[in-house]
Amino acid sequence: CANCHTVTTPLWRRDASGKTICNACGLYYKLHNVHRPATMKRTVIKRRRR
């Protein structure tokens, strides 16, 4: 990810400048119009049980 430097994500997205970002950073930017802080980065991806 160009923003948080993660290498695993369930979905890759692109920001307005065309850089590849992870799903979490993309959704955060779409909602808040600012890039996601690095302090919010998680080390594991939790799977949802449905």
PDB file of N, CA and C in Angstrom:
ATOM      1  N   CYS A   1       0.847  -1.188   0.000  1.00  0.00           N
ATOM      2  CA  CYS A   1       0.000   0.000   0.000  1.00  0.00           C
ATOM      3  C   CYS A   1       0.890   1.250   0.000  1.00  0.00           C
ATOM      4  N   ALA A   2       0.549   2.187  -0.831  1.00  0.00           N
ATOM      5  CA  ALA A   2       1.326   3.423  -0.907  1.00  0.00           C
ATOM      6  C   ALA A   2       1.170   4.275   0.348  1.00  0.00           C
ATOM      7  N   ASN A   3       0.121   4.046   1.114  1.00  0.00           N
ATOM      8  CA  ASN A   3      -0.131   4.856   2.299  1.00  0.00           C
ATOM      9  C   ASN A   3       0.427   4.214   3.569  1.00  0.00           C
ATOM     10  N   CYS A   4       0.051   2.958   3.853  1.00  0.00           N
ATOM     11  CA  CYS A   4       0.457   2.316   5.116  1.00  0.00           C
ATOM     12  C   CYS A   4       1.513   1.231   4.922  1.00  0.00           C
ATOM     13  N   HIS A   5       1.904   0.946   3.688  1.00  0.00           N
ATOM     14  CA  HIS A   5       2.966  -0.014   3.346  1.00  0.00           C
ATOM     15  C   HIS A   5       2.630  -1.454   3.710  1.00  0.00           C
ATOM     16  N   THR A   6       1.368  -1.810   3.744  1.00  0.00           N
ATOM     17  CA  THR A   6       0.980  -3.197   3.977  1.00  0.00           C
ATOM     18  C   THR A   6       1.129  -3.983   2.674  1.00  0.00           C
ATOM     19  N   VAL A   7       1.286  -5.301   2.809  1.00  0.00           N
ATOM     20  CA  VAL A   7       1.442  -6.138   1.613  1.00  0.00           C
ATOM     21  C   VAL A   7       0.303  -7.139   1.460  1.00  0.00           C
ATOM     22  N   THR A   8      -0.557  -7.280   2.476  1.00  0.00           N
ATOM     23  CA  THR A   8      -1.694  -8.196   2.391  1.00  0.00           C
ATOM     24  C   THR A   8      -2.984  -7.431   2.639  1.00  0.00           C
ATOM     25  N   THR A   9      -3.953  -7.671   1.792  1.00  0.00           N
ATOM     26  CA  THR A   9      -5.264  -7.038   1.924  1.00  0.00           C
ATOM     27  C   THR A   9      -6.271  -7.859   1.128  1.00  0.00           C
ATOM     28  N   PRO A  10      -7.534  -7.878   1.540  1.00  0.00           N
ATOM     29  CA  PRO A  10      -8.522  -8.625   0.768  1.00  0.00           C
ATOM     30  C   PRO A  10      -8.846  -7.965  -0.575  1.00  0.00           C
ATOM     31  N   LEU A  11      -8.582  -6.666  -0.703  1.00  0.00           N
ATOM     32  CA  LEU A  11      -8.902  -5.960  -1.944  1.00  0.00           C
ATOM     33  C   LEU A  11      -7.956  -4.779  -2.114  1.00  0.00           C
ATOM     34  N   TRP A  12      -7.369  -4.655  -3.299  1.00  0.00           N
ATOM     35  CA  TRP A  12      -6.503  -3.519  -3.606  1.00  0.00           C
ATOM     36  C   TRP A  12      -7.332  -2.453  -4.311  1.00  0.00           C
ATOM     37  N   ARG A  13      -7.070  -1.196  -3.992  1.00  0.00           N
ATOM     38  CA  ARG A  13      -7.773  -0.067  -4.593  1.00  0.00           C
ATOM     39  C   ARG A  13      -6.756   0.924  -5.148  1.00  0.00           C
ATOM     40  N   ARG A  14      -7.236   1.940  -5.852  1.00  0.00           N
ATOM     41  CA  ARG A  14      -6.367   3.014  -6.348  1.00  0.00           C
ATOM     42  C   ARG A  14      -6.894   4.346  -5.823  1.00  0.00           C
ATOM     43  N   ASP A  15      -5.950   5.226  -5.434  1.00  0.00           N
ATOM     44  CA  ASP A  15      -6.365   6.547  -4.971  1.00  0.00           C
ATOM     45  C   ASP A  15      -6.513   7.489  -6.165  1.00  0.00           C
ATOM     46  N   ALA A  16      -6.790   8.747  -5.900  1.00  0.00           N
ATOM     47  CA  ALA A  16      -7.045   9.716  -6.968  1.00  0.00           C
ATOM     48  C   ALA A  16      -5.833   9.921  -7.868  1.00  0.00           C
ATOM     49  N   SER A  17      -4.629   9.745  -7.330  1.00  0.00           N
ATOM     50  CA  SER A  17      -3.420   9.936  -8.136  1.00  0.00           C
ATOM     51  C   SER A  17      -2.987   8.661  -8.844  1.00  0.00           C
ATOM     52  N   GLY A  18      -3.722   7.553  -8.639  1.00  0.00           N
ATOM     53  CA  GLY A  18      -3.421   6.305  -9.332  1.00  0.00           C
ATOM     54  C   GLY A  18      -2.518   5.356  -8.580  1.00  0.00           C
ATOM     55  N   LYS A  19      -2.136   5.697  -7.351  1.00  0.00           N
ATOM     56  CA  LYS A  19      -1.288   4.814  -6.550  1.00  0.00           C
ATOM     57  C   LYS A  19      -2.121   3.670  -5.990  1.00  0.00           C
ATOM     58  N   THR A  20      -1.499   2.501  -5.824  1.00  0.00           N
ATOM     59  CA  THR A  20      -2.186   1.340  -5.277  1.00  0.00           C
ATOM     60  C   THR A  20      -2.246   1.458  -3.759  1.00  0.00           C
ATOM     61  N   ILE A  21      -3.457   1.354  -3.215  1.00  0.00           N
ATOM     62  CA  ILE A  21      -3.645   1.409  -1.766  1.00  0.00           C
ATOM     63  C   ILE A  21      -4.490   0.221  -1.327  1.00  0.00           C
ATOM     64  N   CYS A  22      -4.422  -0.106  -0.046  1.00  0.00           N
ATOM     65  CA  CYS A  22      -5.175  -1.246   0.475  1.00  0.00           C
ATOM     66  C   CYS A  22      -6.643  -0.864   0.668  1.00  0.00           C
ATOM     67  N   ASN A  23      -7.450  -1.848   0.930  1.00  0.00           N
ATOM     68  CA  ASN A  23      -8.883  -1.651   1.101  1.00  0.00           C
ATOM     69  C   ASN A  23      -9.180  -0.692   2.251  1.00  0.00           C
ATOM     70  N   ALA A  24      -8.504  -0.872   3.385  1.00  0.00           N
ATOM     71  CA  ALA A  24      -8.768  -0.047   4.563  1.00  0.00           C
ATOM     72  C   ALA A  24      -8.451   1.425   4.300  1.00  0.00           C
ATOM     73  N   CYS A  25      -7.320   1.695   3.667  1.00  0.00           N
ATOM     74  CA  CYS A  25      -6.949   3.078   3.363  1.00  0.00           C
ATOM     75  C   CYS A  25      -7.903   3.690   2.342  1.00  0.00           C
ATOM     76  N   GLY A  26      -8.331   2.904   1.375  1.00  0.00           N
ATOM     77  CA  GLY A  26      -9.257   3.399   0.363  1.00  0.00           C
ATOM     78  C   GLY A  26     -10.608   3.761   0.941  1.00  0.00           C
ATOM     79  N   LEU A  27     -11.133   2.904   1.807  1.00  0.00           N
ATOM     80  CA  LEU A  27     -12.430   3.182   2.420  1.00  0.00           C
ATOM     81  C   LEU A  27     -12.341   4.363   3.383  1.00  0.00           C
ATOM     82  N   TYR A  28     -11.236   4.468   4.127  1.00  0.00           N
ATOM     83  CA  TYR A  28     -11.046   5.576   5.059  1.00  0.00           C
ATOM     84  C   TYR A  28     -10.985   6.903   4.299  1.00  0.00           C
ATOM     85  N   TYR A  29     -10.245   6.916   3.192  1.00  0.00           N
ATOM     86  CA  TYR A  29     -10.129   8.137   2.398  1.00  0.00           C
ATOM     87  C   TYR A  29     -11.472   8.531   1.788  1.00  0.00           C
ATOM     88  N   LYS A  30     -12.222   7.545   1.330  1.00  0.00           N
ATOM     89  CA  LYS A  30     -13.524   7.812   0.725  1.00  0.00           C
ATOM     90  C   LYS A  30     -14.495   8.419   1.739  1.00  0.00           C
ATOM     91  N   LEU A  31     -14.396   8.001   2.993  1.00  0.00           N
ATOM     92  CA  LEU A  31     -15.307   8.478   4.029  1.00  0.00           C
ATOM     93  C   LEU A  31     -14.874   9.816   4.630  1.00  0.00           C
ATOM     94  N   HIS A  32     -13.556   9.992   4.877  1.00  0.00           N
ATOM     95  CA  HIS A  32     -13.063  11.165   5.596  1.00  0.00           C
ATOM     96  C   HIS A  32     -12.339  12.193   4.725  1.00  0.00           C
ATOM     97  N   ASN A  33     -12.028  11.845   3.483  1.00  0.00           N
ATOM     98  CA  ASN A  33     -11.294  12.726   2.563  1.00  0.00           C
ATOM     99  C   ASN A  33      -9.907  13.114   3.064  1.00  0.00           C
ATOM    100  N   VAL A  34      -9.326  12.297   3.920  1.00  0.00           N
ATOM    101  CA  VAL A  34      -7.923  12.426   4.344  1.00  0.00           C
ATOM    102  C   VAL A  34      -7.326  11.027   4.359  1.00  0.00           C
ATOM    103  N   HIS A  35      -6.018  10.939   4.189  1.00  0.00           N
ATOM    104  CA  HIS A  35      -5.380   9.630   4.194  1.00  0.00           C
ATOM    105  C   HIS A  35      -5.407   9.019   5.588  1.00  0.00           C
ATOM    106  N   ARG A  36      -5.502   7.701   5.649  1.00  0.00           N
ATOM    107  CA  ARG A  36      -5.592   6.963   6.905  1.00  0.00           C
ATOM    108  C   ARG A  36      -4.274   7.058   7.674  1.00  0.00           C
ATOM    109  N   PRO A  37      -4.310   7.406   8.976  1.00  0.00           N
ATOM    110  CA  PRO A  37      -3.077   7.506   9.763  1.00  0.00           C
ATOM    111  C   PRO A  37      -2.393   6.147   9.912  1.00  0.00           C
ATOM    112  N   ALA A  38      -1.079   6.145   9.962  1.00  0.00           N
ATOM    113  CA  ALA A  38      -0.315   4.905  10.097  1.00  0.00           C
ATOM    114  C   ALA A  38      -0.550   4.251  11.457  1.00  0.00           C
ATOM    115  N   THR A  39      -0.997   5.014  12.445  1.00  0.00           N
ATOM    116  CA  THR A  39      -1.242   4.457  13.776  1.00  0.00           C
ATOM    117  C   THR A  39      -2.450   3.529  13.794  1.00  0.00           C
ATOM    118  N   MET A  40      -3.303   3.600  12.786  1.00  0.00           N
ATOM    119  CA  MET A  40      -4.489   2.744  12.728  1.00  0.00           C
ATOM    120  C   MET A  40      -4.207   1.395  12.079  1.00  0.00           C
ATOM    121  N   LYS A  41      -2.973   1.177  11.626  1.00  0.00           N
ATOM    122  CA  LYS A  41      -2.635  -0.064  10.923  1.00  0.00           C
ATOM    123  C   LYS A  41      -2.709  -1.256  11.869  1.00  0.00           C
ATOM    124  N   ARG A  42      -3.322  -2.340  11.409  1.00  0.00           N
ATOM    125  CA  ARG A  42      -3.425  -3.591  12.157  1.00  0.00           C
ATOM    126  C   ARG A  42      -2.450  -4.600  11.575  1.00  0.00           C
ATOM    127  N   THR A  43      -1.993  -5.539  12.401  1.00  0.00           N
ATOM    128  CA  THR A  43      -1.026  -6.527  11.920  1.00  0.00           C
ATOM    129  C   THR A  43      -1.703  -7.761  11.342  1.00  0.00           C
ATOM    130  N   VAL A  44      -2.936  -8.048  11.745  1.00  0.00           N
ATOM    131  CA  VAL A  44      -3.636  -9.231  11.244  1.00  0.00           C
ATOM    132  C   VAL A  44      -4.950  -8.815  10.594  1.00  0.00           C
ATOM    133  N   ILE A  45      -5.400  -9.621   9.651  1.00  0.00           N
ATOM    134  CA  ILE A  45      -6.692  -9.401   9.007  1.00  0.00           C
ATOM    135  C   ILE A  45      -7.693 -10.343   9.654  1.00  0.00           C
ATOM    136  N   LYS A  46      -8.740  -9.796  10.243  1.00  0.00           N
ATOM    137  CA  LYS A  46      -9.762 -10.631  10.878  1.00  0.00           C
ATOM    138  C   LYS A  46     -10.798 -11.033   9.849  1.00  0.00           C
ATOM    139  N   ARG A  47     -11.135 -12.295   9.827  1.00  0.00           N
ATOM    140  CA  ARG A  47     -12.153 -12.819   8.927  1.00  0.00           C
ATOM    141  C   ARG A  47     -13.513 -12.729   9.599  1.00  0.00           C
ATOM    142  N   ARG A  48     -14.523 -12.379   8.822  1.00  0.00           N
ATOM    143  CA  ARG A  48     -15.887 -12.331   9.351  1.00  0.00           C
ATOM    144  C   ARG A  48     -16.514 -13.700   9.240  1.00  0.00           C
ATOM    145  N   ARG A  49     -17.234 -14.097  10.264  1.00  0.00           N
ATOM    146  CA  ARG A  49     -17.957 -15.373  10.236  1.00  0.00           C
ATOM    147  C   ARG A  49     -19.421 -15.092   9.967  1.00  0.00           C
ATOM    148  N   ARG A  50     -19.910 -15.620   8.849  1.00  0.00           N
ATOM    149  CA  ARG A  50     -21.319 -15.404   8.510  1.00  0.00           C
ATOM    150  C   ARG A  50     -22.000 -16.732   8.356  1.00  0.00           C
TER     151      ARG A  50
END
